[in-house]
N, C-alpha and C. Protein backbone atom coordinates (compact mmCIF):
# COMPACT_ATOMS: atom_id res chain seq x y z
N MET A 1 32.85 128.75 13.90
CA MET A 1 34.03 128.80 13.06
C MET A 1 34.96 129.87 13.64
N PRO A 2 36.21 129.53 13.82
CA PRO A 2 37.13 130.53 14.38
C PRO A 2 37.45 131.62 13.35
N ILE A 3 38.02 132.68 13.86
CA ILE A 3 38.46 133.78 12.99
C ILE A 3 39.47 133.21 12.00
N PRO A 4 39.31 133.48 10.70
CA PRO A 4 40.27 132.96 9.73
C PRO A 4 41.70 133.39 10.08
N GLU A 5 42.63 132.49 9.85
CA GLU A 5 44.04 132.70 10.20
C GLU A 5 44.57 134.04 9.68
N GLU A 6 44.21 134.38 8.45
CA GLU A 6 44.74 135.61 7.84
C GLU A 6 44.24 136.88 8.51
N TYR A 7 43.18 136.78 9.31
CA TYR A 7 42.62 137.97 9.98
C TYR A 7 42.83 137.98 11.49
N GLN A 8 43.38 136.92 12.07
CA GLN A 8 43.48 136.83 13.52
C GLN A 8 44.28 137.98 14.14
N ASP A 9 45.45 138.26 13.61
CA ASP A 9 46.26 139.35 14.18
C ASP A 9 45.55 140.69 14.05
N LEU A 10 44.91 140.91 12.92
CA LEU A 10 44.19 142.16 12.68
C LEU A 10 43.03 142.32 13.67
N VAL A 11 42.26 141.27 13.87
CA VAL A 11 41.12 141.32 14.80
C VAL A 11 41.61 141.54 16.22
N ARG A 12 42.63 140.82 16.63
CA ARG A 12 43.16 140.98 17.99
C ARG A 12 43.69 142.39 18.21
N SER A 13 44.36 142.92 17.23
CA SER A 13 44.89 144.29 17.35
C SER A 13 43.75 145.29 17.41
N TYR A 14 42.77 145.15 16.53
CA TYR A 14 41.64 146.08 16.49
C TYR A 14 40.86 146.05 17.80
N CYS A 15 40.72 144.86 18.37
CA CYS A 15 39.97 144.71 19.63
C CYS A 15 40.87 144.91 20.85
N GLN A 16 42.10 145.27 20.63
CA GLN A 16 43.09 145.53 21.68
C GLN A 16 43.24 144.33 22.61
N GLU A 17 43.34 143.16 22.02
CA GLU A 17 43.57 141.91 22.74
C GLU A 17 44.70 141.15 22.05
N PRO A 18 45.96 141.64 22.15
CA PRO A 18 47.05 141.00 21.41
C PRO A 18 47.31 139.55 21.83
N GLU A 19 47.08 139.23 23.10
CA GLU A 19 47.27 137.86 23.57
C GLU A 19 46.08 137.46 24.44
N PRO A 20 44.94 137.19 23.80
CA PRO A 20 43.73 136.87 24.58
C PRO A 20 43.86 135.52 25.28
N ASP A 21 43.27 135.43 26.47
CA ASP A 21 43.22 134.13 27.14
C ASP A 21 42.13 133.30 26.47
N GLU A 22 41.94 132.09 26.96
CA GLU A 22 41.00 131.18 26.30
C GLU A 22 39.57 131.72 26.28
N ALA A 23 39.14 132.34 27.37
CA ALA A 23 37.78 132.90 27.43
C ALA A 23 37.62 134.07 26.47
N ASP A 24 38.63 134.94 26.40
CA ASP A 24 38.57 136.08 25.48
C ASP A 24 38.60 135.61 24.02
N LEU A 25 39.40 134.59 23.74
CA LEU A 25 39.47 134.07 22.38
C LEU A 25 38.12 133.47 21.97
N LEU A 26 37.47 132.79 22.89
CA LEU A 26 36.14 132.25 22.61
C LEU A 26 35.16 133.38 22.32
N ALA A 27 35.22 134.45 23.11
CA ALA A 27 34.33 135.60 22.90
C ALA A 27 34.63 136.29 21.57
N LEU A 28 35.91 136.42 21.21
CA LEU A 28 36.27 137.03 19.92
C LEU A 28 35.74 136.19 18.76
N ASN A 29 35.92 134.87 18.85
CA ASN A 29 35.42 133.99 17.78
C ASN A 29 33.90 134.07 17.66
N GLN A 30 33.24 134.13 18.80
CA GLN A 30 31.78 134.23 18.78
C GLN A 30 31.33 135.57 18.17
N ALA A 31 32.03 136.65 18.51
CA ALA A 31 31.71 137.96 17.94
C ALA A 31 31.96 137.95 16.43
N TRP A 32 33.04 137.29 15.99
CA TRP A 32 33.34 137.18 14.56
C TRP A 32 32.22 136.43 13.84
N ASP A 33 31.84 135.27 14.39
CA ASP A 33 30.79 134.46 13.76
C ASP A 33 29.47 135.22 13.69
N SER A 34 29.14 135.90 14.75
CA SER A 34 27.89 136.67 14.79
C SER A 34 27.91 137.78 13.74
N SER A 35 29.03 138.48 13.64
CA SER A 35 29.15 139.58 12.67
C SER A 35 29.10 139.05 11.24
N ALA A 36 29.79 137.95 10.98
CA ALA A 36 29.78 137.35 9.64
C ALA A 36 28.37 136.90 9.26
N ALA A 37 27.66 136.30 10.21
CA ALA A 37 26.29 135.86 9.94
C ALA A 37 25.37 137.05 9.69
N TYR A 38 25.57 138.13 10.43
CA TYR A 38 24.76 139.33 10.23
C TYR A 38 24.96 139.87 8.81
N LEU A 39 26.23 139.99 8.39
CA LEU A 39 26.51 140.52 7.06
C LEU A 39 25.96 139.59 5.97
N GLU A 40 26.12 138.28 6.15
CA GLU A 40 25.57 137.35 5.16
C GLU A 40 24.05 137.47 5.09
N GLY A 41 23.42 137.63 6.23
CA GLY A 41 21.97 137.81 6.27
C GLY A 41 21.54 139.10 5.60
N ALA A 42 22.43 140.09 5.60
CA ALA A 42 22.15 141.37 4.95
C ALA A 42 22.49 141.33 3.46
N GLY A 43 22.95 140.16 2.98
CA GLY A 43 23.27 140.01 1.57
C GLY A 43 24.69 140.39 1.21
N VAL A 44 25.59 140.40 2.20
CA VAL A 44 26.99 140.78 1.97
C VAL A 44 27.88 139.58 2.26
N SER A 45 28.56 139.08 1.23
CA SER A 45 29.46 137.95 1.41
C SER A 45 30.89 138.44 1.62
N ARG A 46 31.71 137.58 2.20
CA ARG A 46 33.12 137.93 2.38
C ARG A 46 33.80 137.90 1.01
N PRO A 47 34.43 139.01 0.63
CA PRO A 47 35.06 139.05 -0.69
C PRO A 47 36.34 138.22 -0.73
N PRO A 48 36.74 137.80 -1.92
CA PRO A 48 38.02 137.09 -2.03
C PRO A 48 39.16 138.05 -1.70
N VAL A 49 40.22 137.52 -1.14
CA VAL A 49 41.37 138.33 -0.71
C VAL A 49 41.95 139.11 -1.89
N GLU A 50 41.84 138.58 -3.10
CA GLU A 50 42.39 139.25 -4.28
C GLU A 50 41.70 140.58 -4.55
N ASN A 51 40.46 140.72 -4.14
CA ASN A 51 39.71 141.96 -4.33
C ASN A 51 40.04 142.89 -3.17
N VAL A 52 41.19 143.54 -3.27
CA VAL A 52 41.75 144.32 -2.16
C VAL A 52 40.82 145.45 -1.72
N ALA A 53 40.26 146.19 -2.67
CA ALA A 53 39.41 147.34 -2.31
C ALA A 53 38.16 146.88 -1.57
N ARG A 54 37.51 145.85 -2.08
CA ARG A 54 36.29 145.36 -1.42
C ARG A 54 36.61 144.70 -0.08
N THR A 55 37.73 144.01 0.00
CA THR A 55 38.15 143.40 1.27
C THR A 55 38.39 144.48 2.32
N ALA A 56 39.03 145.57 1.92
CA ALA A 56 39.28 146.67 2.86
C ALA A 56 37.96 147.27 3.35
N LEU A 57 37.02 147.46 2.44
CA LEU A 57 35.71 148.00 2.81
C LEU A 57 34.97 147.02 3.71
N TRP A 58 35.03 145.74 3.37
CA TRP A 58 34.37 144.71 4.18
C TRP A 58 34.96 144.68 5.59
N LEU A 59 36.28 144.75 5.70
CA LEU A 59 36.92 144.78 7.02
C LEU A 59 36.56 146.05 7.78
N GLY A 60 36.34 147.16 7.05
CA GLY A 60 35.93 148.41 7.68
C GLY A 60 34.56 148.32 8.32
N VAL A 61 33.76 147.36 7.89
CA VAL A 61 32.45 147.10 8.50
C VAL A 61 32.56 145.96 9.51
N MET A 62 33.28 144.92 9.13
CA MET A 62 33.37 143.72 9.97
C MET A 62 34.07 143.98 11.30
N LEU A 63 35.20 144.66 11.28
CA LEU A 63 35.96 144.87 12.51
C LEU A 63 35.19 145.66 13.57
N PRO A 64 34.52 146.78 13.21
CA PRO A 64 33.73 147.46 14.24
C PRO A 64 32.59 146.59 14.79
N MET A 65 32.02 145.75 13.93
CA MET A 65 30.96 144.86 14.41
C MET A 65 31.51 143.83 15.39
N VAL A 66 32.69 143.29 15.09
CA VAL A 66 33.32 142.32 15.99
C VAL A 66 33.65 142.99 17.32
N LEU A 67 34.23 144.18 17.25
CA LEU A 67 34.57 144.90 18.47
C LEU A 67 33.33 145.18 19.30
N ASP A 68 32.25 145.61 18.65
CA ASP A 68 31.02 145.89 19.38
C ASP A 68 30.48 144.62 20.04
N GLY A 69 30.48 143.52 19.29
CA GLY A 69 30.02 142.25 19.86
C GLY A 69 30.90 141.80 21.01
N TYR A 70 32.19 142.01 20.86
CA TYR A 70 33.14 141.63 21.91
C TYR A 70 32.97 142.51 23.14
N ASP A 71 32.81 143.80 22.93
CA ASP A 71 32.62 144.73 24.05
C ASP A 71 31.31 144.49 24.78
N GLN A 72 30.29 144.04 24.06
CA GLN A 72 28.97 143.85 24.66
C GLN A 72 28.78 142.44 25.23
N ARG A 73 29.85 141.67 25.31
CA ARG A 73 29.73 140.28 25.76
C ARG A 73 29.17 140.16 27.17
N GLY A 74 29.33 141.19 27.99
CA GLY A 74 28.80 141.16 29.34
C GLY A 74 27.36 141.60 29.42
N ALA A 75 26.79 141.97 28.30
CA ALA A 75 25.39 142.42 28.21
C ALA A 75 25.12 143.59 29.14
N GLN A 76 26.07 144.50 29.22
CA GLN A 76 25.88 145.71 30.02
C GLN A 76 25.67 146.86 29.06
N PHE A 77 24.48 147.41 29.09
CA PHE A 77 24.14 148.49 28.18
C PHE A 77 23.93 149.77 28.96
N GLU A 78 24.59 150.81 28.52
CA GLU A 78 24.40 152.12 29.12
C GLU A 78 23.54 152.94 28.17
N GLN A 79 22.76 153.84 28.72
CA GLN A 79 21.89 154.66 27.89
C GLN A 79 22.73 155.43 26.88
N GLY A 80 22.35 155.33 25.63
CA GLY A 80 23.04 156.08 24.58
C GLY A 80 24.30 155.43 24.07
N LYS A 81 24.70 154.29 24.64
CA LYS A 81 25.96 153.68 24.21
C LYS A 81 25.85 153.09 22.81
N LEU A 82 24.72 152.48 22.50
CA LEU A 82 24.55 151.85 21.20
C LEU A 82 23.84 152.79 20.24
N GLN A 83 24.58 153.73 19.71
CA GLN A 83 24.02 154.68 18.76
C GLN A 83 24.40 154.26 17.35
N ASP A 84 23.54 154.59 16.41
CA ASP A 84 23.82 154.26 15.03
C ASP A 84 24.95 155.15 14.52
N ASN A 85 25.91 154.54 13.86
CA ASN A 85 27.05 155.26 13.31
C ASN A 85 26.81 155.47 11.82
N PRO A 86 26.65 156.72 11.36
CA PRO A 86 26.34 156.96 9.95
C PRO A 86 27.45 156.51 9.00
N VAL A 87 28.70 156.59 9.41
CA VAL A 87 29.80 156.13 8.55
C VAL A 87 29.70 154.62 8.37
N PHE A 88 29.45 153.91 9.45
CA PHE A 88 29.27 152.46 9.38
C PHE A 88 28.12 152.11 8.45
N ARG A 89 27.00 152.80 8.58
CA ARG A 89 25.83 152.55 7.73
C ARG A 89 26.16 152.76 6.26
N ARG A 90 26.89 153.84 5.95
CA ARG A 90 27.26 154.10 4.54
C ARG A 90 28.16 152.99 4.00
N LYS A 91 29.09 152.51 4.82
CA LYS A 91 29.97 151.42 4.38
C LYS A 91 29.17 150.15 4.13
N LEU A 92 28.23 149.85 5.02
CA LEU A 92 27.40 148.66 4.85
C LEU A 92 26.56 148.77 3.58
N VAL A 93 25.99 149.93 3.32
CA VAL A 93 25.21 150.13 2.09
C VAL A 93 26.10 149.96 0.87
N GLN A 94 27.31 150.51 0.91
CA GLN A 94 28.23 150.38 -0.22
C GLN A 94 28.57 148.91 -0.46
N LEU A 95 28.80 148.17 0.61
CA LEU A 95 29.07 146.74 0.45
C LEU A 95 27.89 146.03 -0.21
N LYS A 96 26.69 146.36 0.21
CA LYS A 96 25.51 145.73 -0.36
C LYS A 96 25.36 146.09 -1.84
N LEU A 97 25.65 147.34 -2.18
CA LEU A 97 25.53 147.78 -3.57
C LEU A 97 26.58 147.15 -4.47
N THR A 98 27.72 146.79 -3.92
CA THR A 98 28.80 146.22 -4.73
C THR A 98 28.88 144.70 -4.61
N GLU A 99 27.89 144.08 -3.96
CA GLU A 99 27.88 142.62 -3.83
C GLU A 99 27.76 142.00 -5.22
N PRO A 100 28.67 141.07 -5.55
CA PRO A 100 28.57 140.42 -6.86
C PRO A 100 27.25 139.67 -6.99
N LEU A 101 26.71 139.69 -8.19
CA LEU A 101 25.46 138.97 -8.44
C LEU A 101 25.72 137.47 -8.39
N PRO A 102 24.79 136.71 -7.82
CA PRO A 102 24.97 135.25 -7.80
C PRO A 102 24.91 134.72 -9.23
N GLU A 103 25.67 133.66 -9.46
CA GLU A 103 25.65 133.05 -10.79
C GLU A 103 24.27 132.45 -11.03
N GLU A 104 23.74 132.73 -12.21
CA GLU A 104 22.41 132.23 -12.54
C GLU A 104 22.47 130.73 -12.81
N ALA A 105 21.46 130.05 -12.33
CA ALA A 105 21.36 128.61 -12.57
C ALA A 105 20.98 128.37 -14.03
N GLY A 106 21.45 127.30 -14.56
CA GLY A 106 21.15 126.96 -15.95
C GLY A 106 19.68 126.59 -16.14
N PRO A 107 19.22 126.51 -17.41
CA PRO A 107 17.81 126.19 -17.68
C PRO A 107 17.40 124.82 -17.28
């Protein structure tokens, strides 16, 4: 699934790719999909756009994940490059704590 239209400019700007070529766009979309799947697997859904505060927090986690996935597309790892970021971890925990409860199924 490609990057949603409403986030394309933001993602390209954050990843410093204002006019990506076809290969870069494919890599950005793949990084987006991977990041979205990771968050969903962690129990964090994409908030509705109307929920501005949660959307901002979600983007604060999603964009660094996309950038990291995009930067690592060549699978070149340097020692110490992939360190855990405590601010990122706190944001992810906050997203998980504020995840809306699923609607309960009827009897």
